[in-house]
């Protein structure tokens, strides 16, 4: 009889809409946009059309702070998790 291998339980952090909102607001979105702008500007010389990327910063933060939008993302995430658990 073989001994069973010990497999520690996976620690799952329960994701709630409030935790999701704080996660979204914690992403350094303006820095990511700046890096994309500079890389594409230097590589492809698209300085003028790419400045429009900076207009997405306030839109991102408005959506991330919106309770309805965050709950929509949360419900889609939960549906996807449930489908992946059902397939296993």
Protein backbone atom coordinates (compact mmCIF):
# COMPACT_ATOMS: atom_id res chain seq x y z
CA UNK A 1 0.00 0.00 0.00
CA UNK A 2 1.47 3.32 -1.10
CA UNK A 3 1.43 6.24 1.30
CA UNK A 4 -0.62 9.16 0.12
CA UNK A 5 1.28 12.23 -0.84
CA UNK A 6 0.52 15.22 1.26
CA UNK A 7 -0.91 18.02 -0.82
CA UNK A 8 -1.59 21.20 1.08
CA UNK A 9 -4.90 22.79 0.40
CA UNK A 10 -4.84 25.74 -1.87
CA UNK A 11 -5.53 28.88 0.00
CA UNK A 12 -8.25 30.74 -1.80
CA UNK A 13 -8.81 34.37 -1.20
CA UNK A 14 -12.47 35.12 -1.65
CA UNK A 15 -12.88 37.85 -4.22
CA UNK A 16 -15.65 40.30 -3.46
CA UNK A 17 -16.78 43.31 -5.49
CA UNK A 18 -15.10 45.63 -2.97
CA UNK A 19 -11.80 43.77 -3.23
CA UNK A 20 -12.09 43.80 -7.00
CA UNK A 21 -12.68 47.56 -6.96
CA UNK A 22 -9.61 48.15 -4.78
CA UNK A 23 -7.59 45.88 -7.08
CA UNK A 24 -8.68 47.84 -10.16
CA UNK A 25 -7.97 51.16 -8.49
CA UNK A 26 -4.55 49.91 -7.39
CA UNK A 27 -3.32 49.25 -10.91
CA UNK A 28 -0.88 52.01 -12.00
CA UNK A 29 -2.85 52.66 -15.17
CA UNK A 30 -1.32 56.08 -15.99
CA UNK A 31 2.19 54.61 -15.82
CA UNK A 32 1.19 51.75 -18.12
CA UNK A 33 -0.28 54.23 -20.61
CA UNK A 34 2.87 56.37 -20.43
CA UNK A 35 5.10 53.35 -21.15
CA UNK A 36 2.92 52.31 -24.10
CA UNK A 37 2.93 55.89 -25.42
CA UNK A 38 6.70 56.24 -25.20
CA UNK A 39 7.47 52.81 -26.66
CA UNK A 40 5.14 53.19 -29.62
CA UNK A 41 6.16 56.82 -30.09
CA UNK A 42 9.85 56.00 -30.32
CA UNK A 43 9.40 52.78 -32.30
CA UNK A 44 6.66 53.75 -34.73
CA UNK A 45 6.83 57.56 -34.59
CA UNK A 46 3.11 57.78 -33.81
CA UNK A 47 3.34 60.66 -31.37
CA UNK A 48 0.36 62.63 -32.57
CA UNK A 49 -2.38 59.95 -32.74
CA UNK A 50 -1.21 58.18 -29.58
CA UNK A 51 -1.79 61.15 -27.28
CA UNK A 52 -5.42 60.00 -27.34
CA UNK A 53 -4.36 57.14 -25.05
CA UNK A 54 -4.14 59.65 -22.22
CA UNK A 55 -7.86 60.31 -22.57
CA UNK A 56 -8.52 56.74 -21.44
CA UNK A 57 -7.10 57.43 -17.95
CA UNK A 58 -10.13 59.27 -16.54
CA UNK A 59 -12.46 56.80 -18.27
CA UNK A 60 -10.65 53.88 -16.62
CA UNK A 61 -10.90 55.41 -13.15
CA UNK A 62 -14.56 56.35 -13.63
CA UNK A 63 -15.38 52.76 -14.60
CA UNK A 64 -13.25 51.25 -11.82
CA UNK A 65 -15.02 53.39 -9.21
CA UNK A 66 -18.49 52.64 -10.60
CA UNK A 67 -20.24 50.02 -8.45
CA UNK A 68 -22.44 48.71 -11.29
CA UNK A 69 -19.48 48.18 -13.62
CA UNK A 70 -17.45 46.40 -10.94
CA UNK A 71 -20.36 44.12 -10.06
CA UNK A 72 -20.79 43.33 -13.77
CA UNK A 73 -17.13 42.30 -14.00
CA UNK A 74 -17.46 40.35 -10.75
CA UNK A 75 -20.49 38.39 -11.96
CA UNK A 76 -18.76 37.58 -15.27
CA UNK A 77 -15.70 36.39 -13.32
CA UNK A 78 -17.82 34.20 -11.05
CA UNK A 79 -19.59 32.67 -14.07
CA UNK A 80 -16.25 31.87 -15.67
CA UNK A 81 -14.90 30.31 -12.46
CA UNK A 82 -18.04 28.22 -12.13
CA UNK A 83 -17.75 27.00 -15.73
CA UNK A 84 -14.09 26.05 -15.24
CA UNK A 85 -14.96 24.12 -12.05
CA UNK A 86 -17.77 22.31 -13.87
CA UNK A 87 -15.41 21.27 -16.69
CA UNK A 88 -12.91 19.69 -14.27
